[in-house]
Amino acid sequence: MSDLFLVGFKGNRKEFYYNNFHHSLHKGDYVIVQVDRGEDCGKVLQHVDHEIQLPDEERPSTVLRPANEEDLAKLDENRKEEEEAWPNAQHLIKKHELEMKLVDIEYQHDRNKITFFFTADHRVDFRALVRDLASEYKTRIELRQIGVRDEAKRIGGFGICGIEQCCVSFLQKFEPISTQDARVQNLSLNPTKISGNCGRLLCCLKYEVDLYDQVMNKYPEVGSRYSNEGIEGIVQSISVFEDHMIVRDENGEEFKVTGKEILKRRESNQIDSGAASENENDIDSNDRDN
């Protein structure tokens, strides 16, 4: 099977392509790839050296050839004309009184298509706008409505952590996120602290929530009473990453109880419970025999 490469395009769009013609390709090389109804130009981001599972509808297409000087000059020309198209597109949107926000404009490398990306709160009837754009640019016009998270991905930027946005650097798809994910991790529900540049909940809220669920399920709730082996008091806090809880007794003295101790006690109780059940069964059996 041909080598697989990840290729990046404008707006932080990434797609996989097979090197069916066995070109010598390296990270950072510009390549011409086969797309629906033509050719596009992108940059090699990495050689995929491990097996990945992709849906049938996302079956990779082909790298046609490395980009030459003419291709790179055409790429620069397309980017320049995309910038020049902004004022006209904005004028036409205003002319047709459409409630939509233009986010980006992207020419396909062979100029067989130009895509206008936009956001809107509702469905937009842009048929008249498409006719005007087609008359202006003499090529296939595509208007694509995207969400605010996709908008942030296309624009790019850095998160409140100071690192490049996850959607730009490595995320392939967006997962549903809720405020419950923040509650489980005892995070502030202040929107300014748990929202990304897109205005939606941070994608990273999903990264550790399973660990929190797994660890927290071992412990009693904060504020509840705990009693075991001479330790009796109220659960003050739970440290997920250090895997222990702090219990404070009525004298104000604090004790540390680890997750291992909790599980050991739980297993011991289960064994004692099982032994008690067996004894009860033996007694019932003896009663029946008598």
Protein backbone atom coordinates (compact mmCIF):
# COMPACT_ATOMS: atom_id res chain seq x y z
CA MET A 1 0.00 0.00 0.00
CA SER A 2 1.18 3.56 -0.74
CA ASP A 3 2.49 5.80 2.01
CA LEU A 4 -0.04 8.05 3.72
CA PHE A 5 0.58 11.77 4.31
CA LEU A 6 -1.28 14.45 6.22
CA VAL A 7 -1.59 17.61 4.12
CA GLY A 8 -2.59 21.04 5.41
CA PHE A 9 -4.49 23.77 3.56
CA LYS A 10 -5.66 27.30 4.23
CA GLY A 11 -7.77 27.77 7.33
CA ASN A 12 -6.02 24.95 9.20
CA ARG A 13 -7.87 22.36 7.16
CA LYS A 14 -6.10 18.99 7.18
CA GLU A 15 -6.70 15.89 5.08
CA PHE A 16 -4.98 12.56 4.38
CA TYR A 17 -3.59 11.64 0.96
CA TYR A 18 -1.89 8.54 -0.44
CA ASN A 19 1.41 8.91 -2.26
CA ASN A 20 0.28 6.55 -5.02
CA PHE A 21 2.90 7.78 -7.47
CA HIS A 22 5.73 7.29 -4.94
CA HIS A 23 7.10 10.83 -5.04
CA SER A 24 9.91 11.76 -2.67
CA LEU A 25 8.03 13.85 -0.11
CA HIS A 26 9.17 15.52 3.10
CA LYS A 27 7.56 17.57 5.84
CA GLY A 28 7.09 21.16 4.66
CA ASP A 29 6.93 20.31 0.94
CA TYR A 30 4.08 21.81 -1.07
CA VAL A 31 2.15 19.27 -3.14
CA ILE A 32 -0.65 19.21 -5.69
CA VAL A 33 -3.41 16.83 -4.63
CA GLN A 34 -6.47 15.41 -6.31
CA VAL A 35 -9.79 16.78 -5.07
CA ASP A 36 -13.37 16.60 -6.23
CA ARG A 37 -13.56 18.30 -9.64
CA GLY A 38 -9.93 19.33 -9.86
CA GLU A 39 -6.67 19.95 -8.05
CA ASP A 40 -5.65 21.76 -4.87
CA CYS A 41 -2.36 22.78 -3.29
CA GLY A 42 -1.31 22.07 0.28
CA LYS A 43 1.69 21.57 2.54
CA VAL A 44 2.90 18.18 3.80
CA LEU A 45 2.49 18.19 7.58
CA GLN A 46 3.64 14.68 8.36
CA HIS A 47 4.21 11.18 7.08
CA VAL A 48 1.75 8.83 8.78
CA ASP A 49 3.85 5.84 9.85
CA HIS A 50 1.11 3.98 11.73
CA GLU A 51 -2.19 2.43 10.71
CA ILE A 52 -5.27 4.62 11.11
CA GLN A 53 -8.95 3.87 10.66
CA LEU A 54 -10.91 6.28 8.50
CA PRO A 55 -14.61 6.17 7.53
CA ASP A 56 -15.31 5.06 3.96
CA GLU A 57 -16.56 8.54 3.07
CA GLU A 58 -13.18 9.96 4.13
CA ARG A 59 -11.08 7.59 2.04
CA PRO A 60 -7.88 9.49 1.15
CA SER A 61 -7.34 10.71 -2.38
CA THR A 62 -3.96 11.01 -4.13
CA VAL A 63 -0.92 13.28 -4.10
CA LEU A 64 -0.47 14.03 -7.80
CA ARG A 65 2.97 15.64 -7.68
CA PRO A 66 5.23 18.00 -5.77
CA ALA A 67 4.41 21.66 -6.41
CA ASN A 68 6.74 23.48 -8.82
CA GLU A 69 7.63 27.18 -8.99
CA GLU A 70 4.65 27.91 -11.22
CA ASP A 71 2.32 26.24 -8.68
CA LEU A 72 3.76 28.28 -5.81
CA ALA A 73 3.39 31.52 -7.80
CA LYS A 74 -0.23 30.58 -8.51
CA LEU A 75 -0.78 29.87 -4.81
CA ASP A 76 0.45 33.36 -3.92
CA GLU A 77 -1.75 34.85 -6.63
CA ASN A 78 -4.80 33.03 -5.30
CA ARG A 79 -4.16 34.28 -1.76
CA LYS A 80 -3.83 37.84 -3.06
CA GLU A 81 -7.09 37.62 -5.01
CA GLU A 82 -8.87 36.13 -2.00
CA GLU A 83 -7.98 39.27 -0.04
CA GLU A 84 -9.15 41.47 -2.90
CA ALA A 85 -12.48 39.61 -3.03
CA TRP A 86 -13.40 40.56 0.56
CA PRO A 87 -14.73 44.10 -0.04
CA ASN A 88 -16.87 42.99 -2.96
CA ALA A 89 -18.29 40.00 -1.08
CA GLN A 90 -19.10 42.17 1.92
CA HIS A 91 -20.82 44.70 -0.38
CA LEU A 92 -22.99 42.00 -1.97
CA ILE A 93 -23.96 40.56 1.41
CA LYS A 94 -25.06 44.00 2.51
CA LYS A 95 -26.83 44.61 -0.79
CA HIS A 96 -28.99 41.48 -0.31
CA GLU A 97 -29.55 42.32 3.39
CA LEU A 98 -28.33 38.93 4.53
CA GLU A 99 -27.71 38.31 8.24
CA MET A 100 -24.43 36.48 7.88
CA LYS A 101 -20.81 37.07 8.85
CA LEU A 102 -18.13 36.41 6.25
CA VAL A 103 -15.28 34.43 7.83
CA ASP A 104 -12.94 33.44 5.00
CA ILE A 105 -12.58 33.12 1.24
CA GLU A 106 -10.62 30.29 -0.38
CA TYR A 107 -9.81 29.59 -4.02
CA GLN A 108 -9.26 26.01 -5.08
CA HIS A 109 -5.76 25.89 -6.60
CA ASP A 110 -6.98 25.31 -10.17
CA ARG A 111 -9.58 28.09 -9.66
CA ASN A 112 -12.39 25.72 -10.58
CA LYS A 113 -14.10 26.76 -7.34
CA ILE A 114 -14.11 29.59 -4.82
CA THR A 115 -15.57 28.98 -1.36
CA PHE A 116 -17.02 31.67 0.90
CA PHE A 117 -17.16 30.59 4.55
CA PHE A 118 -19.65 32.33 6.81
CA THR A 119 -21.42 32.08 10.14
CA ALA A 120 -25.07 32.86 10.80
CA ASP A 121 -27.54 32.32 13.61
CA HIS A 122 -30.13 30.88 11.23
CA ARG A 123 -30.43 29.36 7.77
CA VAL A 124 -29.70 31.89 5.05
CA ASP A 125 -31.29 32.06 1.61
CA PHE A 126 -28.22 33.08 -0.38
CA ARG A 127 -29.35 32.05 -3.88
CA ALA A 128 -29.35 35.61 -5.18
CA LEU A 129 -25.93 36.19 -3.64
CA VAL A 130 -24.54 33.09 -5.38
CA ARG A 131 -25.80 34.34 -8.74
CA ASP A 132 -24.07 37.69 -8.26
CA LEU A 133 -20.83 36.03 -7.13
CA ALA A 134 -20.87 33.60 -10.06
CA SER A 135 -21.37 36.50 -12.45
CA GLU A 136 -18.46 38.33 -10.85
CA TYR A 137 -15.89 35.52 -10.60
CA LYS A 138 -16.88 33.27 -13.53
CA THR A 139 -16.29 30.04 -11.63
CA ARG A 140 -18.13 27.60 -9.40
CA ILE A 141 -19.31 29.30 -6.19
CA GLU A 142 -19.73 27.51 -2.88
CA LEU A 143 -21.13 29.23 0.21
CA ARG A 144 -20.44 27.13 3.30
CA GLN A 145 -22.03 27.92 6.64
CA ILE A 146 -19.78 26.95 9.55
CA GLY A 147 -20.09 27.08 13.32
CA VAL A 148 -18.21 29.43 15.64
CA ARG A 149 -15.81 26.64 16.65
CA ASP A 150 -14.94 26.08 12.99
CA GLU A 151 -14.52 29.83 12.62
CA ALA A 152 -11.97 29.90 15.44
CA LYS A 153 -10.15 26.97 13.80
CA ARG A 154 -9.92 28.74 10.44
CA ILE A 155 -8.74 32.00 11.97
CA GLY A 156 -6.31 30.37 14.41
CA GLY A 157 -4.87 31.82 17.58
CA PHE A 158 -3.76 30.96 21.10
CA GLY A 159 -5.80 29.80 24.06
CA ILE A 160 -5.81 31.23 27.59
CA CYS A 161 -3.14 28.62 28.41
CA GLY A 162 -0.74 30.41 26.05
CA ILE A 163 -0.57 27.45 23.68
CA GLU A 164 -1.88 27.31 20.11
CA GLN A 165 -5.57 26.38 19.98
CA CYS A 166 -6.14 22.62 20.13
CA CYS A 167 -8.47 22.78 17.12
CA VAL A 168 -5.58 24.21 15.10
CA SER A 169 -2.76 21.99 16.31
CA PHE A 170 -4.18 18.47 16.62
CA LEU A 171 -7.96 18.07 17.06
CA GLN A 172 -9.56 16.34 14.08
CA LYS A 173 -13.17 16.77 15.20
CA PHE A 174 -15.18 18.59 17.85
CA GLU A 175 -16.82 16.66 20.69
CA PRO A 176 -19.93 17.77 22.61
CA ILE A 177 -18.96 19.56 25.83
CA SER A 178 -21.23 20.59 28.73
CA THR A 179 -20.86 22.55 31.96
CA GLN A 180 -21.15 19.22 33.76
CA ASP A 181 -17.64 18.43 32.53
CA ALA A 182 -16.43 21.53 34.39
CA ARG A 183 -18.42 20.68 37.53
CA VAL A 184 -16.91 17.19 37.71
CA GLN A 185 -13.44 18.79 37.68
CA ASN A 186 -14.39 21.38 40.34
CA LEU A 187 -13.68 24.22 37.93
CA SER A 188 -15.14 27.70 38.10
CA LEU A 189 -18.30 28.08 36.04
CA ASN A 190 -17.31 31.65 35.18
CA PRO A 191 -17.79 31.76 31.36
CA THR A 192 -14.66 33.90 30.90
CA LYS A 193 -12.53 31.17 32.48
CA ILE A 194 -13.92 28.08 30.78
CA SER A 195 -14.64 29.46 27.29
CA GLY A 196 -12.31 29.49 24.30
CA ASN A 197 -11.74 32.10 21.62
CA CYS A 198 -14.85 30.78 19.87
CA GLY A 199 -17.02 31.71 22.85
CA ARG A 200 -17.89 28.05 23.44
CA LEU A 201 -16.71 25.80 26.27
CA LEU A 202 -13.02 24.90 26.11
CA CYS A 203 -12.25 21.69 24.21
CA CYS A 204 -9.73 20.74 26.91
CA LEU A 205 -12.55 20.31 29.44
CA LYS A 206 -13.02 16.91 27.84
CA TYR A 207 -9.43 15.68 28.20
CA GLU A 208 -9.37 14.74 31.90
CA VAL A 209 -13.05 14.35 32.75
CA ASP A 210 -12.92 10.54 32.47
CA LEU A 211 -10.04 10.43 34.97
CA TYR A 212 -12.00 12.63 37.37
CA ASP A 213 -15.03 10.35 37.07
CA GLN A 214 -12.90 7.27 37.69
CA VAL A 215 -11.12 8.70 40.74
CA MET A 216 -14.06 10.55 42.31
CA ASN A 217 -16.24 7.41 42.22
CA LYS A 218 -13.93 5.86 44.83
CA TYR A 219 -14.51 8.56 47.43
CA PRO A 220 -17.46 9.80 49.49
CA GLU A 221 -18.72 13.29 48.61
CA VAL A 222 -17.00 16.37 49.99
CA GLY A 223 -18.87 17.45 53.11
CA SER A 224 -20.04 13.93 54.00
CA ARG A 225 -19.03 12.02 57.15
CA TYR A 226 -16.29 9.39 57.00
CA SER A 227 -15.46 6.79 59.63
CA ASN A 228 -12.90 3.99 59.48
CA GLU A 229 -10.10 2.53 61.61
CA GLY A 230 -10.05 5.29 64.19
CA ILE A 231 -10.48 8.12 61.68
CA GLU A 232 -13.81 9.90 61.95
CA GLY A 233 -14.70 13.27 60.57
CA ILE A 234 -15.90 15.29 57.59
CA VAL A 235 -14.43 14.96 54.09
CA GLN A 236 -12.80 18.33 53.36
CA SER A 237 -11.29 17.83 49.90
CA ILE A 238 -10.29 15.25 47.30
CA SER A 239 -7.05 15.42 45.31
CA VAL A 240 -7.63 13.69 41.99
CA PHE A 241 -4.03 13.65 40.75
CA GLU A 242 -2.51 12.65 44.12
CA ASP A 243 -5.40 10.21 44.67
CA HIS A 244 -6.26 10.97 48.28
CA MET A 245 -8.82 12.81 50.38
CA ILE A 246 -8.48 14.96 53.49
CA VAL A 247 -10.72 14.20 56.49
CA ARG A 248 -10.97 16.66 59.41
CA ASP A 249 -12.14 15.43 62.82
CA GLU A 250 -14.09 17.42 65.41
CA ASN A 251 -10.83 18.65 66.99
CA GLY A 252 -9.70 20.19 63.72
CA GLU A 253 -7.02 17.56 63.09
CA GLU A 254 -6.68 16.48 59.46
CA PHE A 255 -5.99 12.98 58.16
CA LYS A 256 -5.04 11.81 54.67
CA VAL A 257 -6.87 8.78 53.27
CA THR A 258 -5.62 7.35 49.98
CA GLY A 259 -7.57 5.76 47.19
CA LYS A 260 -5.79 2.46 47.82
CA GLU A 261 -7.04 2.46 51.41
CA ILE A 262 -10.58 3.17 50.24
CA LEU A 263 -10.50 0.28 47.74
CA LYS A 264 -8.89 -2.06 50.27
CA ARG A 265 -11.66 -1.35 52.77
CA ARG A 266 -14.32 -1.81 50.08
CA GLU A 267 -12.87 -5.18 49.03
CA SER A 268 -12.64 -6.26 52.68
CA ASN A 269 -16.29 -5.36 53.24
CA GLN A 270 -17.28 -7.34 50.17
CA ILE A 271 -15.38 -10.39 51.44
CA ASP A 272 -16.95 -10.07 54.90
CA SER A 273 -20.38 -9.68 53.32
CA GLY A 274 -19.83 -12.75 51.16
CA ALA A 275 -18.71 -14.82 54.17
CA ALA A 276 -21.73 -13.69 56.17
CA SER A 277 -24.04 -14.75 53.34
CA GLU A 278 -22.44 -18.20 53.22
CA ASN A 279 -22.87 -18.59 56.99
CA GLU A 280 -26.54 -17.64 56.71
CA ASN A 281 -27.01 -20.23 53.97
CA ASP A 282 -25.36 -22.89 56.17
CA ILE A 283 -27.67 -22.03 59.07
CA ASP A 284 -30.75 -22.21 56.82
CA SER A 285 -29.58 -25.56 55.50
CA ASN A 286 -29.08 -26.95 59.02
CA ASP A 287 -32.54 -25.73 60.05
CA ARG A 288 -34.08 -27.55 57.10
CA ASP A 289 -32.16 -30.73 57.90
CA ASN A 290 -33.39 -30.63 61.52
